């Protein structure tokens, strides 16, 4: 997997669109080569949704994890590990790009 830089800013690529439907975020690839197959849809769990809303290229990974640490009152660093793992998966699937 790609090493995500906690000091870098990332954003969702233009290769996907996302919509919130009944509280669930659905990600739809617009081009082939996104995800595992051309017609894959992705949905996000609550943790993914919490991260997704900050992936607009305006905040570093470290800033996002700091916000989520406060939001979820975490002190053990699990959130940073989860966020980086999630971002690595999005980056590998070409859903995420570096700003």
PDB file of N, CA and C in Angstrom:
ATOM      1  N   UNK A   1       0.826  -1.195   0.000  1.00  0.00           N
ATOM      2  CA  UNK A   1       0.000   0.000   0.000  1.00  0.00           C
ATOM      3  C   UNK A   1       0.868   1.255   0.000  1.00  0.00           C
ATOM      4  N   UNK A   2       0.273   2.324  -0.426  1.00  0.00           N
ATOM      5  CA  UNK A   2       0.940   3.617  -0.486  1.00  0.00           C
ATOM      6  C   UNK A   2       1.091   4.192   0.918  1.00  0.00           C
ATOM      7  N   UNK A   3       2.188   4.816   1.161  1.00  0.00           N
ATOM      8  CA  UNK A   3       2.399   5.482   2.444  1.00  0.00           C
ATOM      9  C   UNK A   3       1.695   6.831   2.418  1.00  0.00           C
ATOM     10  N   UNK A   4       0.744   7.007   3.281  1.00  0.00           N
ATOM     11  CA  UNK A   4       0.030   8.276   3.399  1.00  0.00           C
ATOM     12  C   UNK A   4       0.847   9.203   4.297  1.00  0.00           C
ATOM     13  N   UNK A   5       1.045  10.424   3.846  1.00  0.00           N
ATOM     14  CA  UNK A   5       1.813  11.413   4.601  1.00  0.00           C
ATOM     15  C   UNK A   5       0.854  12.196   5.495  1.00  0.00           C
ATOM     16  N   UNK A   6       1.074  12.148   6.795  1.00  0.00           N
ATOM     17  CA  UNK A   6       0.155  12.822   7.723  1.00  0.00           C
ATOM     18  C   UNK A   6       0.198  14.342   7.605  1.00  0.00           C
ATOM     19  N   UNK A   7       1.232  14.865   6.935  1.00  0.00           N
ATOM     20  CA  UNK A   7       1.343  16.314   6.749  1.00  0.00           C
ATOM     21  C   UNK A   7       0.794  16.772   5.388  1.00  0.00           C
ATOM     22  N   UNK A   8       0.373  15.818   4.568  1.00  0.00           N
ATOM     23  CA  UNK A   8      -0.148  16.142   3.234  1.00  0.00           C
ATOM     24  C   UNK A   8      -1.658  16.347   3.283  1.00  0.00           C
ATOM     25  N   UNK A   9      -2.149  17.003   2.234  1.00  0.00           N
ATOM     26  CA  UNK A   9      -3.594  17.206   2.076  1.00  0.00           C
ATOM     27  C   UNK A   9      -4.066  16.330   0.920  1.00  0.00           C
ATOM     28  N   UNK A  10      -5.232  15.737   1.088  1.00  0.00           N
ATOM     29  CA  UNK A  10      -5.788  14.838   0.088  1.00  0.00           C
ATOM     30  C   UNK A  10      -7.217  15.262  -0.245  1.00  0.00           C
ATOM     31  N   UNK A  11      -7.640  14.892  -1.436  1.00  0.00           N
ATOM     32  CA  UNK A  11      -9.022  15.166  -1.838  1.00  0.00           C
ATOM     33  C   UNK A  11      -9.539  13.997  -2.669  1.00  0.00           C
ATOM     34  N   UNK A  12     -10.847  13.944  -2.771  1.00  0.00           N
ATOM     35  CA  UNK A  12     -11.508  12.933  -3.579  1.00  0.00           C
ATOM     36  C   UNK A  12     -11.269  13.277  -5.047  1.00  0.00           C
ATOM     37  N   UNK A  13     -10.955  12.282  -5.863  1.00  0.00           N
ATOM     38  CA  UNK A  13     -10.717  12.535  -7.284  1.00  0.00           C
ATOM     39  C   UNK A  13     -12.025  12.838  -8.010  1.00  0.00           C
ATOM     40  N   UNK A  14     -11.884  13.351  -9.200  1.00  0.00           N
ATOM     41  CA  UNK A  14     -13.048  13.607 -10.041  1.00  0.00           C
ATOM     42  C   UNK A  14     -13.530  12.334 -10.724  1.00  0.00           C
ATOM     43  N   UNK A  15     -12.880  11.203 -10.432  1.00  0.00           N
ATOM     44  CA  UNK A  15     -13.247   9.923 -11.030  1.00  0.00           C
ATOM     45  C   UNK A  15     -14.422   9.251 -10.333  1.00  0.00           C
ATOM     46  N   UNK A  16     -14.909   9.865  -9.256  1.00  0.00           N
ATOM     47  CA  UNK A  16     -16.033   9.294  -8.515  1.00  0.00           C
ATOM     48  C   UNK A  16     -17.014  10.394  -8.129  1.00  0.00           C
ATOM     49  N   UNK A  17     -18.246   9.988  -7.885  1.00  0.00           N
ATOM     50  CA  UNK A  17     -19.227  10.874  -7.271  1.00  0.00           C
ATOM     51  C   UNK A  17     -19.735  10.161  -6.034  1.00  0.00           C
ATOM     52  N   UNK A  18     -20.192  10.938  -5.086  1.00  0.00           N
ATOM     53  CA  UNK A  18     -20.745  10.326  -3.875  1.00  0.00           C
ATOM     54  C   UNK A  18     -22.069  10.998  -3.548  1.00  0.00           C
ATOM     55  N   UNK A  19     -22.946  10.215  -2.970  1.00  0.00           N
ATOM     56  CA  UNK A  19     -24.253  10.702  -2.530  1.00  0.00           C
ATOM     57  C   UNK A  19     -24.581  10.065  -1.193  1.00  0.00           C
ATOM     58  N   UNK A  20     -25.236  10.837  -0.350  1.00  0.00           N
ATOM     59  CA  UNK A  20     -25.720  10.267   0.905  1.00  0.00           C
ATOM     60  C   UNK A  20     -27.173   9.865   0.704  1.00  0.00           C
ATOM     61  N   UNK A  21     -27.453   8.597   0.934  1.00  0.00           N
ATOM     62  CA  UNK A  21     -28.794   8.046   0.775  1.00  0.00           C
ATOM     63  C   UNK A  21     -29.142   7.295   2.054  1.00  0.00           C
ATOM     64  N   UNK A  22     -30.197   7.733   2.709  1.00  0.00           N
ATOM     65  CA  UNK A  22     -30.641   7.123   3.968  1.00  0.00           C
ATOM     66  C   UNK A  22     -29.506   6.996   4.976  1.00  0.00           C
ATOM     67  N   UNK A  23     -28.688   8.044   5.087  1.00  0.00           N
ATOM     68  CA  UNK A  23     -27.616   8.059   6.076  1.00  0.00           C
ATOM     69  C   UNK A  23     -26.369   7.294   5.672  1.00  0.00           C
ATOM     70  N   UNK A  24     -26.353   6.725   4.473  1.00  0.00           N
ATOM     71  CA  UNK A  24     -25.198   5.961   4.004  1.00  0.00           C
ATOM     72  C   UNK A  24     -24.584   6.691   2.817  1.00  0.00           C
ATOM     73  N   UNK A  25     -23.250   6.789   2.794  1.00  0.00           N
ATOM     74  CA  UNK A  25     -22.572   7.417   1.662  1.00  0.00           C
ATOM     75  C   UNK A  25     -22.244   6.339   0.637  1.00  0.00           C
ATOM     76  N   UNK A  26     -22.714   6.559  -0.586  1.00  0.00           N
ATOM     77  CA  UNK A  26     -22.465   5.650  -1.700  1.00  0.00           C
ATOM     78  C   UNK A  26     -21.493   6.341  -2.645  1.00  0.00           C
ATOM     79  N   UNK A  27     -20.439   5.630  -3.034  1.00  0.00           N
ATOM     80  CA  UNK A  27     -19.426   6.157  -3.948  1.00  0.00           C
ATOM     81  C   UNK A  27     -19.557   5.402  -5.262  1.00  0.00           C
ATOM     82  N   UNK A  28     -19.690   6.165  -6.348  1.00  0.00           N
ATOM     83  CA  UNK A  28     -19.879   5.572  -7.673  1.00  0.00           C
ATOM     84  C   UNK A  28     -18.708   5.963  -8.571  1.00  0.00           C
ATOM     85  N   UNK A  29     -17.960   4.975  -9.078  1.00  0.00           N
ATOM     86  CA  UNK A  29     -16.874   5.280 -10.015  1.00  0.00           C
ATOM     87  C   UNK A  29     -17.428   5.799 -11.341  1.00  0.00           C
ATOM     88  N   UNK A  30     -16.774   6.822 -11.913  1.00  0.00           N
ATOM     89  CA  UNK A  30     -17.187   7.373 -13.200  1.00  0.00           C
ATOM     90  C   UNK A  30     -16.315   6.873 -14.341  1.00  0.00           C
ATOM     91  N   UNK A  31     -15.142   6.336 -14.014  1.00  0.00           N
ATOM     92  CA  UNK A  31     -14.229   5.839 -15.039  1.00  0.00           C
ATOM     93  C   UNK A  31     -13.793   4.429 -14.691  1.00  0.00           C
ATOM     94  N   UNK A  32     -13.336   3.698 -15.694  1.00  0.00           N
ATOM     95  CA  UNK A  32     -12.841   2.349 -15.438  1.00  0.00           C
ATOM     96  C   UNK A  32     -11.518   2.427 -14.686  1.00  0.00           C
ATOM     97  N   UNK A  33     -11.176   1.355 -14.001  1.00  0.00           N
ATOM     98  CA  UNK A  33      -9.930   1.299 -13.262  1.00  0.00           C
ATOM     99  C   UNK A  33     -10.016   1.841 -11.851  1.00  0.00           C
ATOM    100  N   UNK A  34     -11.219   2.217 -11.415  1.00  0.00           N
ATOM    101  CA  UNK A  34     -11.409   2.698 -10.052  1.00  0.00           C
ATOM    102  C   UNK A  34     -11.925   1.522  -9.230  1.00  0.00           C
ATOM    103  N   UNK A  35     -11.285   1.272  -8.119  1.00  0.00           N
ATOM    104  CA  UNK A  35     -11.701   0.138  -7.293  1.00  0.00           C
ATOM    105  C   UNK A  35     -11.252  -1.171  -7.914  1.00  0.00           C
ATOM    106  N   UNK A  36     -12.041  -2.209  -7.706  1.00  0.00           N
ATOM    107  CA  UNK A  36     -11.687  -3.541  -8.190  1.00  0.00           C
ATOM    108  C   UNK A  36     -12.282  -3.858  -9.551  1.00  0.00           C
ATOM    109  N   UNK A  37     -13.352  -3.172  -9.927  1.00  0.00           N
ATOM    110  CA  UNK A  37     -14.008  -3.420 -11.204  1.00  0.00           C
ATOM    111  C   UNK A  37     -14.679  -2.136 -11.659  1.00  0.00           C
ATOM    112  N   UNK A  38     -15.005  -2.076 -12.949  1.00  0.00           N
ATOM    113  CA  UNK A  38     -15.583  -0.855 -13.504  1.00  0.00           C
ATOM    114  C   UNK A  38     -16.906  -0.472 -12.865  1.00  0.00           C
ATOM    115  N   UNK A  39     -17.704  -1.457 -12.497  1.00  0.00           N
ATOM    116  CA  UNK A  39     -19.057  -1.152 -12.050  1.00  0.00           C
ATOM    117  C   UNK A  39     -19.239  -1.279 -10.546  1.00  0.00           C
ATOM    118  N   UNK A  40     -18.158  -1.231  -9.803  1.00  0.00           N
ATOM    119  CA  UNK A  40     -18.247  -1.333  -8.347  1.00  0.00           C
ATOM    120  C   UNK A  40     -18.864  -0.076  -7.738  1.00  0.00           C
ATOM    121  N   UNK A  41     -19.722  -0.283  -6.770  1.00  0.00           N
ATOM    122  CA  UNK A  41     -20.200   0.794  -5.909  1.00  0.00           C
ATOM    123  C   UNK A  41     -19.558   0.565  -4.549  1.00  0.00           C
ATOM    124  N   UNK A  42     -19.303   1.638  -3.840  1.00  0.00           N
ATOM    125  CA  UNK A  42     -18.721   1.530  -2.508  1.00  0.00           C
ATOM    126  C   UNK A  42     -19.646   2.230  -1.531  1.00  0.00           C
ATOM    127  N   UNK A  43     -19.751   1.682  -0.347  1.00  0.00           N
ATOM    128  CA  UNK A  43     -20.472   2.385   0.705  1.00  0.00           C
ATOM    129  C   UNK A  43     -19.545   2.487   1.907  1.00  0.00           C
ATOM    130  N   UNK A  44     -19.758   3.511   2.712  1.00  0.00           N
ATOM    131  CA  UNK A  44     -18.877   3.782   3.842  1.00  0.00           C
ATOM    132  C   UNK A  44     -19.578   3.502   5.161  1.00  0.00           C
ATOM    133  N   UNK A  45     -18.826   2.941   6.099  1.00  0.00           N
ATOM    134  CA  UNK A  45     -19.342   2.774   7.452  1.00  0.00           C
ATOM    135  C   UNK A  45     -19.255   4.120   8.170  1.00  0.00           C
ATOM    136  N   UNK A  46     -19.653   4.173   9.427  1.00  0.00           N
ATOM    137  CA  UNK A  46     -19.677   5.445  10.164  1.00  0.00           C
ATOM    138  C   UNK A  46     -18.298   6.091  10.270  1.00  0.00           C
ATOM    139  N   UNK A  47     -17.267   5.280  10.457  1.00  0.00           N
ATOM    140  CA  UNK A  47     -15.909   5.816  10.531  1.00  0.00           C
ATOM    141  C   UNK A  47     -15.511   6.426   9.191  1.00  0.00           C
ATOM    142  N   UNK A  48     -15.781   5.711   8.108  1.00  0.00           N
ATOM    143  CA  UNK A  48     -15.484   6.224   6.778  1.00  0.00           C
ATOM    144  C   UNK A  48     -16.217   7.515   6.486  1.00  0.00           C
ATOM    145  N   UNK A  49     -17.483   7.576   6.901  1.00  0.00           N
ATOM    146  CA  UNK A  49     -18.270   8.802   6.703  1.00  0.00           C
ATOM    147  C   UNK A  49     -17.664   9.973   7.455  1.00  0.00           C
ATOM    148  N   UNK A  50     -17.182   9.726   8.663  1.00  0.00           N
ATOM    149  CA  UNK A  50     -16.588  10.794   9.478  1.00  0.00           C
ATOM    150  C   UNK A  50     -15.349  11.365   8.801  1.00  0.00           C
ATOM    151  N   UNK A  51     -14.560  10.521   8.151  1.00  0.00           N
ATOM    152  CA  UNK A  51     -13.347  10.963   7.461  1.00  0.00           C
ATOM    153  C   UNK A  51     -13.697  11.618   6.129  1.00  0.00           C
ATOM    154  N   UNK A  52     -14.614  11.004   5.387  1.00  0.00           N
ATOM    155  CA  UNK A  52     -14.964  11.437   4.025  1.00  0.00           C
ATOM    156  C   UNK A  52     -15.297  12.926   3.945  1.00  0.00           C
ATOM    157  N   UNK A  53     -16.025  13.412   4.941  1.00  0.00           N
ATOM    158  CA  UNK A  53     -16.474  14.806   4.879  1.00  0.00           C
ATOM    159  C   UNK A  53     -15.324  15.812   4.958  1.00  0.00           C
ATOM    160  N   UNK A  54     -14.134  15.357   5.376  1.00  0.00           N
ATOM    161  CA  UNK A  54     -12.984  16.257   5.480  1.00  0.00           C
ATOM    162  C   UNK A  54     -12.005  16.115   4.311  1.00  0.00           C
ATOM    163  N   UNK A  55     -12.313  15.268   3.346  1.00  0.00           N
ATOM    164  CA  UNK A  55     -11.385  15.019   2.247  1.00  0.00           C
ATOM    165  C   UNK A  55     -11.627  15.967   1.074  1.00  0.00           C
ATOM    166  N   UNK A  56     -11.514  17.258   1.356  1.00  0.00           N
ATOM    167  CA  UNK A  56     -11.725  18.277   0.327  1.00  0.00           C
ATOM    168  C   UNK A  56     -10.426  18.988  -0.041  1.00  0.00           C
ATOM    169  N   UNK A  57      -9.310  18.510   0.487  1.00  0.00           N
ATOM    170  CA  UNK A  57      -8.024  19.105   0.171  1.00  0.00           C
ATOM    171  C   UNK A  57      -7.632  20.298   1.008  1.00  0.00           C
ATOM    172  N   UNK A  58      -8.467  20.664   1.981  1.00  0.00           N
ATOM    173  CA  UNK A  58      -8.169  21.848   2.781  1.00  0.00           C
ATOM    174  C   UNK A  58      -7.463  21.542   4.104  1.00  0.00           C
ATOM    175  N   UNK A  59      -7.471  20.283   4.525  1.00  0.00           N
ATOM    176  CA  UNK A  59      -6.866  19.903   5.802  1.00  0.00           C
ATOM    177  C   UNK A  59      -5.854  18.776   5.599  1.00  0.00           C
ATOM    178  N   UNK A  60      -4.798  18.798   6.407  1.00  0.00           N
ATOM    179  CA  UNK A  60      -3.842  17.695   6.378  1.00  0.00           C
ATOM    180  C   UNK A  60      -4.453  16.488   7.084  1.00  0.00           C
ATOM    181  N   UNK A  61      -3.843  15.347   6.876  1.00  0.00           N
ATOM    182  CA  UNK A  61      -4.289  14.136   7.566  1.00  0.00           C
ATOM    183  C   UNK A  61      -4.201  14.340   9.073  1.00  0.00           C
ATOM    184  N   UNK A  62      -3.145  14.979   9.522  1.00  0.00           N
ATOM    185  CA  UNK A  62      -2.968  15.241  10.951  1.00  0.00           C
ATOM    186  C   UNK A  62      -4.091  16.129  11.493  1.00  0.00           C
ATOM    187  N   UNK A  63      -4.483  17.147  10.742  1.00  0.00           N
ATOM    188  CA  UNK A  63      -5.588  18.017  11.166  1.00  0.00           C
ATOM    189  C   UNK A  63      -6.902  17.236  11.227  1.00  0.00           C
ATOM    190  N   UNK A  64      -7.116  16.365  10.247  1.00  0.00           N
ATOM    191  CA  UNK A  64      -8.345  15.548  10.237  1.00  0.00           C
ATOM    192  C   UNK A  64      -8.384  14.635  11.452  1.00  0.00           C
ATOM    193  N   UNK A  65      -7.256  13.974  11.752  1.00  0.00           N
ATOM    194  CA  UNK A  65      -7.249  13.071  12.904  1.00  0.00           C
ATOM    195  C   UNK A  65      -7.410  13.839  14.212  1.00  0.00           C
ATOM    196  N   UNK A  66      -6.851  15.040  14.298  1.00  0.00           N
ATOM    197  CA  UNK A  66      -7.030  15.867  15.498  1.00  0.00           C
ATOM    198  C   UNK A  66      -8.509  16.222  15.695  1.00  0.00           C
ATOM    199  N   UNK A  67      -9.176  16.598  14.608  1.00  0.00           N
ATOM    200  CA  UNK A  67     -10.608  16.922  14.683  1.00  0.00           C
ATOM    201  C   UNK A  67     -11.403  15.703  15.138  1.00  0.00           C
ATOM    202  N   UNK A  68     -11.111  14.554  14.544  1.00  0.00           N
ATOM    203  CA  UNK A  68     -11.855  13.340  14.890  1.00  0.00           C
ATOM    204  C   UNK A  68     -11.539  12.869  16.312  1.00  0.00           C
ATOM    205  N   UNK A  69     -10.297  13.074  16.755  1.00  0.00           N
ATOM    206  CA  UNK A  69      -9.949  12.745  18.148  1.00  0.00           C
ATOM    207  C   UNK A  69     -10.830  13.531  19.114  1.00  0.00           C
ATOM    208  N   UNK A  70     -11.017  14.829  18.818  1.00  0.00           N
ATOM    209  CA  UNK A  70     -11.866  15.660  19.677  1.00  0.00           C
ATOM    210  C   UNK A  70     -13.344  15.273  19.537  1.00  0.00           C
ATOM    211  N   UNK A  71     -13.754  15.040  18.289  1.00  0.00           N
ATOM    212  CA  UNK A  71     -15.151  14.709  18.016  1.00  0.00           C
ATOM    213  C   UNK A  71     -15.575  13.416  18.723  1.00  0.00           C
ATOM    214  N   UNK A  72     -14.679  12.430  18.725  1.00  0.00           N
ATOM    215  CA  UNK A  72     -15.000  11.136  19.324  1.00  0.00           C
ATOM    216  C   UNK A  72     -14.353  10.941  20.688  1.00  0.00           C
ATOM    217  N   UNK A  73     -13.737  12.019  21.205  1.00  0.00           N
ATOM    218  CA  UNK A  73     -13.105  11.997  22.527  1.00  0.00           C
ATOM    219  C   UNK A  73     -12.141  10.825  22.687  1.00  0.00           C
ATOM    220  N   UNK A  74     -11.274  10.663  21.702  1.00  0.00           N
ATOM    221  CA  UNK A  74     -10.291   9.581  21.700  1.00  0.00           C
ATOM    222  C   UNK A  74      -8.961  10.103  22.236  1.00  0.00           C
ATOM    223  N   UNK A  75      -8.262   9.256  22.968  1.00  0.00           N
ATOM    224  CA  UNK A  75      -6.951   9.653  23.477  1.00  0.00           C
ATOM    225  C   UNK A  75      -5.877   8.614  23.194  1.00  0.00           C
ATOM    226  N   UNK A  76      -6.240   7.483  22.617  1.00  0.00           N
ATOM    227  CA  UNK A  76      -5.267   6.399  22.476  1.00  0.00           C
ATOM    228  C   UNK A  76      -4.629   6.286  21.094  1.00  0.00           C
ATOM    229  N   UNK A  77      -4.937   7.182  20.174  1.00  0.00           N
ATOM    230  CA  UNK A  77      -4.301   7.156  18.864  1.00  0.00           C
ATOM    231  C   UNK A  77      -4.901   6.179  17.873  1.00  0.00           C
ATOM    232  N   UNK A  78      -5.944   5.453  18.257  1.00  0.00           N
ATOM    233  CA  UNK A  78      -6.573   4.510  17.332  1.00  0.00           C
ATOM    234  C   UNK A  78      -7.161   5.208  16.124  1.00  0.00           C
ATOM    235  N   UNK A  79      -7.671   6.386  16.324  1.00  0.00           N
ATOM    236  CA  UNK A  79      -8.307   7.103  15.217  1.00  0.00           C
ATOM    237  C   UNK A  79      -7.282   7.406  14.127  1.00  0.00           C
ATOM    238  N   UNK A  80      -6.097   7.852  14.489  1.00  0.00           N
ATOM    239  CA  UNK A  80      -5.067   8.156  13.492  1.00  0.00           C
ATOM    240  C   UNK A  80      -4.736   6.915  12.669  1.00  0.00           C
ATOM    241  N   UNK A  81      -4.598   5.797  13.320  1.00  0.00           N
ATOM    242  CA  UNK A  81      -4.300   4.540  12.635  1.00  0.00           C
ATOM    243  C   UNK A  81      -5.439   4.154  11.691  1.00  0.00           C
ATOM    244  N   UNK A  82      -6.677   4.288  12.148  1.00  0.00           N
ATOM    245  CA  UNK A  82      -7.841   3.970  11.317  1.00  0.00           C
ATOM    246  C   UNK A  82      -7.944   4.911  10.124  1.00  0.00           C
ATOM    247  N   UNK A  83      -7.718   6.200  10.346  1.00  0.00           N
ATOM    248  CA  UNK A  83      -7.804   7.188   9.269  1.00  0.00           C
ATOM    249  C   UNK A  83      -6.750   6.895   8.206  1.00  0.00           C
ATOM    250  N   UNK A  84      -5.524   6.659   8.609  1.00  0.00           N
ATOM    251  CA  UNK A  84      -4.452   6.384   7.652  1.00  0.00           C
ATOM    252  C   UNK A  84      -4.733   5.100   6.870  1.00  0.00           C
ATOM    253  N   UNK A  85      -5.209   4.070   7.548  1.00  0.00           N
ATOM    254  CA  UNK A  85      -5.561   2.821   6.857  1.00  0.00           C
ATOM    255  C   UNK A  85      -6.652   3.041   5.820  1.00  0.00           C
ATOM    256  N   UNK A  86      -7.665   3.816   6.185  1.00  0.00           N
ATOM    257  CA  UNK A  86      -8.760   4.126   5.274  1.00  0.00           C
ATOM    258  C   UNK A  86      -8.253   4.926   4.073  1.00  0.00           C
ATOM    259  N   UNK A  87      -7.424   5.931   4.318  1.00  0.00           N
ATOM    260  CA  UNK A  87      -6.885   6.749   3.238  1.00  0.00           C
ATOM    261  C   UNK A  87      -5.989   5.935   2.308  1.00  0.00           C
ATOM    262  N   UNK A  88      -5.214   5.020   2.863  1.00  0.00           N
ATOM    263  CA  UNK A  88      -4.381   4.153   2.027  1.00  0.00           C
ATOM    264  C   UNK A  88      -5.242   3.317   1.084  1.00  0.00           C
ATOM    265  N   UNK A  89      -6.358   2.820   1.587  1.00  0.00           N
ATOM    266  CA  UNK A  89      -7.250   2.033   0.740  1.00  0.00           C
ATOM    267  C   UNK A  89      -7.874   2.894  -0.357  1.00  0.00           C
ATOM    268  N   UNK A  90      -8.334   4.087  -0.006  1.00  0.00           N
ATOM    269  CA  UNK A  90      -8.904   4.987  -1.011  1.00  0.00           C
ATOM    270  C   UNK A  90      -7.862   5.363  -2.060  1.00  0.00           C
ATOM    271  N   UNK A  91      -6.634   5.627  -1.623  1.00  0.00           N
ATOM    272  CA  UNK A  91      -5.569   6.014  -2.546  1.00  0.00           C
ATOM    273  C   UNK A  91      -5.243   4.862  -3.491  1.00  0.00           C
ATOM    274  N   UNK A  92      -5.163   3.662  -2.964  1.00  0.00           N
ATOM    275  CA  UNK A  92      -4.872   2.479  -3.790  1.00  0.00           C
ATOM    276  C   UNK A  92      -5.973   2.233  -4.815  1.00  0.00           C
ATOM    277  N   UNK A  93      -7.199   2.573  -4.480  1.00  0.00           N
ATOM    278  CA  UNK A  93      -8.342   2.386  -5.397  1.00  0.00           C
ATOM    279  C   UNK A  93      -8.542   3.581  -6.327  1.00  0.00           C
ATOM    280  N   UNK A  94      -7.646   4.561  -6.265  1.00  0.00           N
ATOM    281  CA  UNK A  94      -7.675   5.765  -7.108  1.00  0.00           C
ATOM    282  C   UNK A  94      -8.898   6.634  -6.860  1.00  0.00           C
ATOM    283  N   UNK A  95      -9.380   6.609  -5.623  1.00  0.00           N
ATOM    284  CA  UNK A  95     -10.500   7.451  -5.213  1.00  0.00           C
ATOM    285  C   UNK A  95      -9.981   8.737  -4.578  1.00  0.00           C
ATOM    286  N   UNK A  96      -8.744   8.709  -4.138  1.00  0.00           N
ATOM    287  CA  UNK A  96      -8.135   9.813  -3.406  1.00  0.00           C
ATOM    288  C   UNK A  96      -6.877  10.265  -4.129  1.00  0.00           C
ATOM    289  N   UNK A  97      -6.607  11.573  -4.091  1.00  0.00           N
ATOM    290  CA  UNK A  97      -5.387  12.097  -4.688  1.00  0.00           C
ATOM    291  C   UNK A  97      -4.763  13.135  -3.766  1.00  0.00           C
ATOM    292  N   UNK A  98      -3.463  13.325  -3.906  1.00  0.00           N
ATOM    293  CA  UNK A  98      -2.746  14.325  -3.139  1.00  0.00           C
ATOM    294  C   UNK A  98      -3.011  15.695  -3.738  1.00  0.00           C
ATOM    295  N   UNK A  99      -3.181  16.697  -2.869  1.00  0.00           N
ATOM    296  CA  UNK A  99      -3.383  18.071  -3.346  1.00  0.00           C
ATOM    297  C   UNK A  99      -2.037  18.673  -3.683  1.00  0.00           C
TER     298      UNK A  99
END
